[in-house]
């Protein structure tokens, strides 16, 4: 949605006309965090890209499925949370080789006003934006 401001007021035949112009919409700044994982040459695992990004709104899959099963109004009962933290979990052997596939965990604050994070894996969260296209909040 654009914001409009008064650019000028002119008069024609004694009638004032106000000219409005829209302010350019702000383009959000994107910050990309990149790293090069130190992967052992003999490792059979690769590093996955994260499914979610910082501040992206997500819902807890279990809560979403509960609302659907019990025909509860999603707009009233389903909470969404921004991603506050991300952690790449790497289980490595003593020689530096990965013992299992690395995966991402996402931290969200379920209770506002606290610093406590609850951690979830990819399959425990859903993108809120994807749900908006399917249902109306």
N, C-alpha and C. Protein backbone atom coordinates (compact mmCIF):
# COMPACT_ATOMS: atom_id res chain seq x y z
N UNK A 1 0.84 -1.15 0.00
CA UNK A 1 0.00 0.00 0.00
C UNK A 1 0.90 1.23 0.00
N UNK A 2 0.65 2.16 -0.90
CA UNK A 2 1.46 3.36 -1.01
C UNK A 2 0.93 4.46 -0.10
N UNK A 3 1.84 5.26 0.40
CA UNK A 3 1.47 6.45 1.16
C UNK A 3 1.48 7.63 0.21
N UNK A 4 0.54 8.51 0.36
CA UNK A 4 0.45 9.68 -0.51
C UNK A 4 0.72 10.94 0.30
N UNK A 5 1.33 11.92 -0.34
CA UNK A 5 1.56 13.21 0.29
C UNK A 5 1.15 14.31 -0.69
N UNK A 6 0.89 15.49 -0.15
CA UNK A 6 0.50 16.62 -0.98
C UNK A 6 1.75 17.19 -1.62
N UNK A 7 1.80 17.15 -2.95
CA UNK A 7 2.96 17.67 -3.67
C UNK A 7 2.85 19.17 -3.85
N UNK A 8 1.69 19.62 -4.27
CA UNK A 8 1.46 21.06 -4.45
C UNK A 8 -0.03 21.32 -4.63
N UNK A 9 -0.38 22.56 -4.42
CA UNK A 9 -1.75 22.99 -4.68
C UNK A 9 -1.68 24.12 -5.70
N UNK A 10 -2.42 23.96 -6.78
CA UNK A 10 -2.44 24.98 -7.84
C UNK A 10 -3.87 25.46 -8.03
N UNK A 11 -3.97 26.63 -8.64
CA UNK A 11 -5.29 27.19 -8.89
C UNK A 11 -5.50 27.33 -10.38
N UNK A 12 -6.66 26.94 -10.83
CA UNK A 12 -7.04 27.12 -12.23
C UNK A 12 -8.44 27.70 -12.25
N UNK A 13 -8.57 28.88 -12.84
CA UNK A 13 -9.86 29.58 -12.92
C UNK A 13 -10.47 29.79 -11.53
N UNK A 14 -9.58 30.05 -10.55
CA UNK A 14 -10.04 30.32 -9.20
C UNK A 14 -10.40 29.09 -8.39
N UNK A 15 -10.20 27.91 -8.96
CA UNK A 15 -10.51 26.65 -8.26
C UNK A 15 -9.19 25.98 -7.88
N UNK A 16 -8.98 25.74 -6.57
CA UNK A 16 -7.73 25.08 -6.16
C UNK A 16 -7.76 23.58 -6.45
N UNK A 17 -6.65 23.10 -6.93
CA UNK A 17 -6.47 21.66 -7.19
C UNK A 17 -5.24 21.20 -6.43
N UNK A 18 -5.39 20.12 -5.71
CA UNK A 18 -4.28 19.57 -4.94
C UNK A 18 -3.71 18.37 -5.69
N UNK A 19 -2.40 18.40 -5.86
CA UNK A 19 -1.73 17.30 -6.54
C UNK A 19 -1.09 16.39 -5.50
N UNK A 20 -1.41 15.12 -5.58
CA UNK A 20 -0.87 14.13 -4.64
C UNK A 20 0.13 13.24 -5.37
N UNK A 21 1.15 12.85 -4.65
CA UNK A 21 2.15 11.91 -5.19
C UNK A 21 2.35 10.79 -4.19
N UNK A 22 2.64 9.63 -4.72
CA UNK A 22 2.88 8.51 -3.81
C UNK A 22 4.36 8.46 -3.44
N UNK A 23 4.60 8.12 -2.19
CA UNK A 23 5.97 7.96 -1.75
C UNK A 23 6.45 6.59 -2.19
N UNK A 24 7.69 6.49 -2.61
CA UNK A 24 8.18 5.18 -3.02
C UNK A 24 8.15 4.20 -1.85
N UNK A 25 7.76 2.98 -2.15
CA UNK A 25 7.70 1.97 -1.09
C UNK A 25 9.11 1.57 -0.70
N UNK A 26 9.29 1.39 0.59
CA UNK A 26 10.60 0.98 1.08
C UNK A 26 10.87 -0.47 0.71
N UNK A 27 12.06 -0.70 0.23
CA UNK A 27 12.47 -2.07 -0.08
C UNK A 27 13.20 -2.59 1.15
N UNK A 28 12.72 -3.69 1.70
CA UNK A 28 13.36 -4.19 2.93
C UNK A 28 14.80 -4.63 2.65
N UNK A 29 15.65 -4.36 3.61
CA UNK A 29 17.04 -4.74 3.48
C UNK A 29 17.16 -6.25 3.75
N UNK A 30 17.90 -6.92 2.90
CA UNK A 30 18.10 -8.35 3.06
C UNK A 30 19.53 -8.60 3.50
N UNK A 31 19.68 -9.33 4.57
CA UNK A 31 21.00 -9.69 5.06
C UNK A 31 21.16 -11.19 4.88
N UNK A 32 22.20 -11.57 4.21
CA UNK A 32 22.45 -12.99 3.95
C UNK A 32 23.65 -13.44 4.78
N UNK A 33 23.47 -14.54 5.49
CA UNK A 33 24.56 -15.12 6.26
C UNK A 33 25.03 -16.35 5.50
N UNK A 34 26.29 -16.34 5.12
CA UNK A 34 26.84 -17.48 4.37
C UNK A 34 28.01 -18.07 5.14
N UNK A 35 28.22 -19.34 4.98
CA UNK A 35 29.38 -19.98 5.57
C UNK A 35 29.77 -21.18 4.71
N UNK A 36 31.01 -21.57 4.84
CA UNK A 36 31.50 -22.74 4.13
C UNK A 36 31.68 -23.85 5.15
N UNK A 37 30.83 -24.86 5.10
CA UNK A 37 30.96 -25.94 6.09
C UNK A 37 32.25 -26.73 5.84
N UNK A 38 32.91 -27.07 6.93
CA UNK A 38 34.12 -27.89 6.83
C UNK A 38 33.67 -29.34 6.80
N UNK A 39 33.60 -29.87 5.63
CA UNK A 39 33.12 -31.24 5.46
C UNK A 39 34.32 -32.16 5.23
N UNK A 40 34.32 -33.25 5.93
CA UNK A 40 35.39 -34.24 5.78
C UNK A 40 35.32 -34.79 4.36
N UNK A 41 36.47 -35.00 3.71
CA UNK A 41 36.46 -35.46 2.31
C UNK A 41 35.75 -36.80 2.10
N UNK A 42 35.70 -37.64 3.11
CA UNK A 42 35.07 -38.95 2.97
C UNK A 42 33.63 -38.97 3.47
N UNK A 43 33.11 -37.82 3.87
CA UNK A 43 31.75 -37.77 4.42
C UNK A 43 30.71 -38.05 3.34
N UNK A 44 29.71 -38.81 3.70
CA UNK A 44 28.64 -39.14 2.75
C UNK A 44 27.44 -38.21 2.88
N UNK A 45 27.52 -37.23 3.79
CA UNK A 45 26.40 -36.32 4.05
C UNK A 45 26.67 -34.94 3.47
N UNK A 46 25.62 -34.27 3.09
CA UNK A 46 25.74 -32.89 2.61
C UNK A 46 24.98 -31.97 3.56
N UNK A 47 25.25 -30.69 3.45
CA UNK A 47 24.61 -29.71 4.33
C UNK A 47 23.34 -29.18 3.67
N UNK A 48 22.20 -29.26 4.37
CA UNK A 48 20.95 -28.77 3.80
C UNK A 48 20.82 -27.26 3.94
N UNK A 49 20.11 -26.66 3.03
CA UNK A 49 19.76 -25.25 3.17
C UNK A 49 18.62 -25.16 4.18
N UNK A 50 18.58 -24.08 4.97
CA UNK A 50 17.48 -23.96 5.93
C UNK A 50 16.14 -23.79 5.22
N UNK A 51 15.10 -24.34 5.80
CA UNK A 51 13.75 -24.24 5.24
C UNK A 51 13.11 -22.90 5.58
N UNK A 52 13.51 -22.31 6.71
CA UNK A 52 12.96 -21.04 7.17
C UNK A 52 14.08 -20.02 7.33
N UNK A 53 13.72 -18.75 7.41
CA UNK A 53 14.70 -17.68 7.61
C UNK A 53 14.33 -16.89 8.85
N UNK A 54 15.28 -16.08 9.34
CA UNK A 54 15.03 -15.25 10.51
C UNK A 54 13.80 -14.38 10.31
N UNK A 55 13.02 -14.23 11.32
CA UNK A 55 11.80 -13.41 11.41
C UNK A 55 10.64 -13.94 10.56
N UNK A 56 10.83 -15.02 9.83
CA UNK A 56 9.72 -15.58 9.06
C UNK A 56 8.66 -16.12 10.02
N UNK A 57 7.40 -15.87 9.72
CA UNK A 57 6.29 -16.32 10.57
C UNK A 57 6.01 -17.79 10.29
N UNK A 58 5.94 -18.57 11.37
CA UNK A 58 5.66 -20.00 11.27
C UNK A 58 4.57 -20.37 12.27
N UNK A 59 3.96 -21.52 12.03
CA UNK A 59 3.01 -22.09 12.99
C UNK A 59 3.51 -23.49 13.35
N UNK A 60 3.11 -23.94 14.51
CA UNK A 60 3.50 -25.28 14.96
C UNK A 60 2.56 -26.28 14.30
N UNK A 61 3.15 -27.24 13.59
CA UNK A 61 2.37 -28.20 12.81
C UNK A 61 1.35 -28.95 13.67
N UNK A 62 1.74 -29.35 14.86
CA UNK A 62 0.84 -30.10 15.75
C UNK A 62 -0.40 -29.28 16.11
N UNK A 63 -0.20 -27.98 16.37
CA UNK A 63 -1.33 -27.11 16.70
C UNK A 63 -2.24 -26.92 15.48
N UNK A 64 -1.63 -26.78 14.31
CA UNK A 64 -2.40 -26.61 13.07
C UNK A 64 -3.25 -27.86 12.79
N UNK A 65 -2.65 -29.04 12.91
CA UNK A 65 -3.37 -30.28 12.65
C UNK A 65 -4.48 -30.51 13.69
N UNK A 66 -4.23 -30.12 14.93
CA UNK A 66 -5.26 -30.22 15.97
C UNK A 66 -6.47 -29.35 15.61
N UNK A 67 -6.21 -28.13 15.16
CA UNK A 67 -7.31 -27.23 14.77
C UNK A 67 -8.11 -27.81 13.61
N UNK A 68 -7.42 -28.40 12.64
CA UNK A 68 -8.12 -28.99 11.49
C UNK A 68 -8.96 -30.20 11.90
N UNK A 69 -8.39 -31.07 12.72
CA UNK A 69 -9.10 -32.28 13.14
C UNK A 69 -10.34 -31.96 13.97
N UNK A 70 -10.27 -30.91 14.76
CA UNK A 70 -11.37 -30.57 15.65
C UNK A 70 -12.24 -29.43 15.11
N UNK A 71 -12.02 -29.08 13.86
CA UNK A 71 -12.78 -28.03 13.16
C UNK A 71 -12.82 -26.74 13.98
N UNK A 72 -11.65 -26.34 14.46
CA UNK A 72 -11.51 -25.11 15.23
C UNK A 72 -11.12 -23.99 14.28
N UNK A 73 -11.68 -22.82 14.49
CA UNK A 73 -11.41 -21.67 13.64
C UNK A 73 -9.93 -21.30 13.72
N UNK A 74 -9.23 -21.40 12.59
CA UNK A 74 -7.80 -21.12 12.57
C UNK A 74 -7.49 -19.67 12.91
N UNK A 75 -8.33 -18.76 12.45
CA UNK A 75 -8.09 -17.34 12.68
C UNK A 75 -8.10 -17.00 14.17
N UNK A 76 -8.89 -17.72 14.94
CA UNK A 76 -9.01 -17.42 16.37
C UNK A 76 -8.02 -18.20 17.23
N UNK A 77 -7.71 -19.42 16.86
CA UNK A 77 -6.95 -20.30 17.75
C UNK A 77 -5.50 -20.56 17.34
N UNK A 78 -5.17 -20.38 16.07
CA UNK A 78 -3.82 -20.74 15.61
C UNK A 78 -2.86 -19.58 15.80
N UNK A 79 -1.80 -19.79 16.56
CA UNK A 79 -0.80 -18.76 16.81
C UNK A 79 0.32 -18.86 15.80
N UNK A 80 0.87 -17.73 15.41
CA UNK A 80 2.05 -17.73 14.55
C UNK A 80 3.19 -17.06 15.30
N UNK A 81 4.41 -17.50 15.00
CA UNK A 81 5.59 -17.04 15.71
C UNK A 81 6.69 -16.72 14.71
N UNK A 82 7.47 -15.67 14.97
CA UNK A 82 8.62 -15.41 14.11
C UNK A 82 9.82 -16.27 14.53
N UNK A 83 10.60 -16.67 13.55
CA UNK A 83 11.83 -17.41 13.84
C UNK A 83 12.81 -16.43 14.50
N UNK A 84 13.26 -16.76 15.71
CA UNK A 84 14.16 -15.89 16.47
C UNK A 84 15.60 -16.38 16.45
N UNK A 85 15.81 -17.67 16.19
CA UNK A 85 17.16 -18.22 16.19
C UNK A 85 17.20 -19.44 15.28
N UNK A 86 18.39 -19.73 14.79
CA UNK A 86 18.60 -20.91 13.95
C UNK A 86 19.91 -21.57 14.39
N UNK A 87 19.90 -22.90 14.40
CA UNK A 87 21.11 -23.63 14.76
C UNK A 87 21.30 -24.79 13.81
N UNK A 88 22.49 -24.90 13.28
CA UNK A 88 22.84 -26.04 12.44
C UNK A 88 23.44 -27.12 13.35
N UNK A 89 22.80 -28.27 13.40
CA UNK A 89 23.25 -29.36 14.27
C UNK A 89 24.10 -30.31 13.44
N UNK A 90 25.34 -30.49 13.89
CA UNK A 90 26.29 -31.38 13.22
C UNK A 90 26.78 -32.41 14.23
N UNK A 91 26.47 -33.65 14.01
CA UNK A 91 26.98 -34.72 14.86
C UNK A 91 28.22 -35.28 14.19
N UNK A 92 29.38 -35.04 14.84
CA UNK A 92 30.66 -35.44 14.24
C UNK A 92 31.37 -36.47 15.10
N UNK A 93 32.14 -37.29 14.42
CA UNK A 93 33.01 -38.25 15.09
C UNK A 93 34.29 -37.53 15.50
N UNK A 94 35.14 -38.19 16.27
CA UNK A 94 36.38 -37.56 16.74
C UNK A 94 37.32 -37.19 15.58
N UNK A 95 37.20 -37.88 14.43
CA UNK A 95 38.06 -37.56 13.29
C UNK A 95 37.51 -36.42 12.43
N UNK A 96 36.39 -35.81 12.84
CA UNK A 96 35.81 -34.69 12.11
C UNK A 96 34.77 -35.07 11.08
N UNK A 97 34.60 -36.37 10.90
CA UNK A 97 33.61 -36.86 9.93
C UNK A 97 32.21 -36.82 10.54
N UNK A 98 31.21 -36.48 9.71
CA UNK A 98 29.83 -36.45 10.18
C UNK A 98 29.34 -37.86 10.48
N UNK A 99 28.70 -38.04 11.63
CA UNK A 99 28.15 -39.35 11.98
C UNK A 99 26.71 -39.50 11.49
N UNK A 100 26.06 -38.38 11.20
CA UNK A 100 24.70 -38.39 10.66
C UNK A 100 24.51 -37.10 9.87
N UNK A 101 23.43 -37.07 9.12
CA UNK A 101 23.17 -35.88 8.29
C UNK A 101 22.93 -34.66 9.17
N UNK A 102 23.56 -33.53 8.84
CA UNK A 102 23.29 -32.31 9.60
C UNK A 102 21.86 -31.83 9.36
N UNK A 103 21.32 -31.10 10.32
CA UNK A 103 19.96 -30.59 10.18
C UNK A 103 19.84 -29.26 10.93
N UNK A 104 18.79 -28.52 10.61
CA UNK A 104 18.56 -27.22 11.22
C UNK A 104 17.52 -27.32 12.32
N UNK A 105 17.73 -26.53 13.38
CA UNK A 105 16.73 -26.32 14.42
C UNK A 105 16.39 -24.83 14.43
N UNK A 106 15.12 -24.54 14.73
CA UNK A 106 14.62 -23.17 14.70
C UNK A 106 14.07 -22.81 16.07
N UNK A 107 14.50 -21.67 16.58
CA UNK A 107 14.05 -21.22 17.90
C UNK A 107 12.95 -20.19 17.77
N UNK A 108 11.85 -20.41 18.49
CA UNK A 108 10.76 -19.44 18.53
C UNK A 108 10.42 -19.16 19.99
N UNK A 109 9.89 -17.98 20.23
CA UNK A 109 9.45 -17.59 21.56
C UNK A 109 7.95 -17.82 21.65
N UNK A 110 7.55 -18.83 22.39
CA UNK A 110 6.12 -19.15 22.51
C UNK A 110 5.43 -18.24 23.50
N UNK A 111 6.16 -17.66 24.42
CA UNK A 111 5.59 -16.77 25.42
C UNK A 111 6.25 -15.41 25.28
N UNK A 112 5.46 -14.40 24.92
CA UNK A 112 6.04 -13.07 24.74
C UNK A 112 6.53 -12.53 26.07
N UNK A 113 7.57 -11.72 25.99
CA UNK A 113 8.13 -11.13 27.20
C UNK A 113 9.17 -12.00 27.88
N UNK A 114 9.50 -13.15 27.30
CA UNK A 114 10.53 -14.01 27.88
C UNK A 114 11.68 -14.14 26.89
N UNK A 115 12.79 -14.61 27.39
CA UNK A 115 13.95 -14.88 26.53
C UNK A 115 14.05 -16.35 26.17
N UNK A 116 13.20 -17.15 26.78
CA UNK A 116 13.25 -18.59 26.57
C UNK A 116 12.80 -18.95 25.16
N UNK A 117 13.60 -19.76 24.50
CA UNK A 117 13.27 -20.23 23.15
C UNK A 117 12.86 -21.69 23.21
N UNK A 118 11.94 -22.05 22.35
CA UNK A 118 11.61 -23.46 22.16
C UNK A 118 12.15 -23.83 20.79
N UNK A 119 12.76 -24.99 20.69
CA UNK A 119 13.44 -25.39 19.46
C UNK A 119 12.62 -26.44 18.72
N UNK A 120 12.55 -26.27 17.39
CA UNK A 120 11.78 -27.16 16.53
C UNK A 120 12.59 -27.51 15.29
N UNK A 121 12.31 -28.68 14.75
CA UNK A 121 12.95 -29.10 13.50
C UNK A 121 12.08 -28.68 12.31
N UNK A 122 12.61 -28.89 11.11
CA UNK A 122 11.89 -28.53 9.87
C UNK A 122 10.47 -29.08 9.82
N UNK A 123 10.34 -30.35 10.16
CA UNK A 123 9.03 -31.00 9.99
C UNK A 123 8.03 -30.68 11.10
N UNK A 124 8.46 -29.95 12.13
CA UNK A 124 7.54 -29.58 13.21
C UNK A 124 6.91 -28.20 12.99
N UNK A 125 7.36 -27.48 11.96
CA UNK A 125 6.86 -26.13 11.70
C UNK A 125 6.30 -26.03 10.28
N UNK A 126 5.40 -25.08 10.08
CA UNK A 126 4.84 -24.79 8.77
C UNK A 126 4.96 -23.30 8.51
N UNK A 127 5.20 -22.94 7.25
CA UNK A 127 5.25 -21.52 6.90
C UNK A 127 3.85 -20.94 6.96
N UNK A 128 3.70 -19.87 7.69
CA UNK A 128 2.38 -19.23 7.82
C UNK A 128 1.90 -18.73 6.47
N UNK A 129 2.81 -18.23 5.65
CA UNK A 129 2.43 -17.69 4.34
C UNK A 129 1.80 -18.78 3.47
N UNK A 130 2.30 -20.00 3.54
CA UNK A 130 1.73 -21.11 2.76
C UNK A 130 0.31 -21.42 3.22
N UNK A 131 0.05 -21.28 4.51
CA UNK A 131 -1.28 -21.55 5.04
C UNK A 131 -2.26 -20.46 4.64
N UNK A 132 -1.76 -19.24 4.49
CA UNK A 132 -2.63 -18.12 4.11
C UNK A 132 -3.20 -18.32 2.72
N UNK A 133 -2.45 -18.97 1.85
CA UNK A 133 -2.97 -19.21 0.50
C UNK A 133 -4.03 -20.29 0.49
N UNK A 134 -3.97 -21.19 1.48
CA UNK A 134 -4.96 -22.27 1.56
C UNK A 134 -6.19 -21.89 2.35
N UNK A 135 -6.00 -21.16 3.45
CA UNK A 135 -7.12 -20.78 4.31
C UNK A 135 -7.00 -19.31 4.66
N UNK A 136 -8.07 -18.72 5.08
CA UNK A 136 -8.06 -17.33 5.48
C UNK A 136 -7.93 -17.24 6.99
N UNK A 137 -6.99 -16.44 7.46
CA UNK A 137 -6.80 -16.25 8.90
C UNK A 137 -7.70 -15.15 9.37
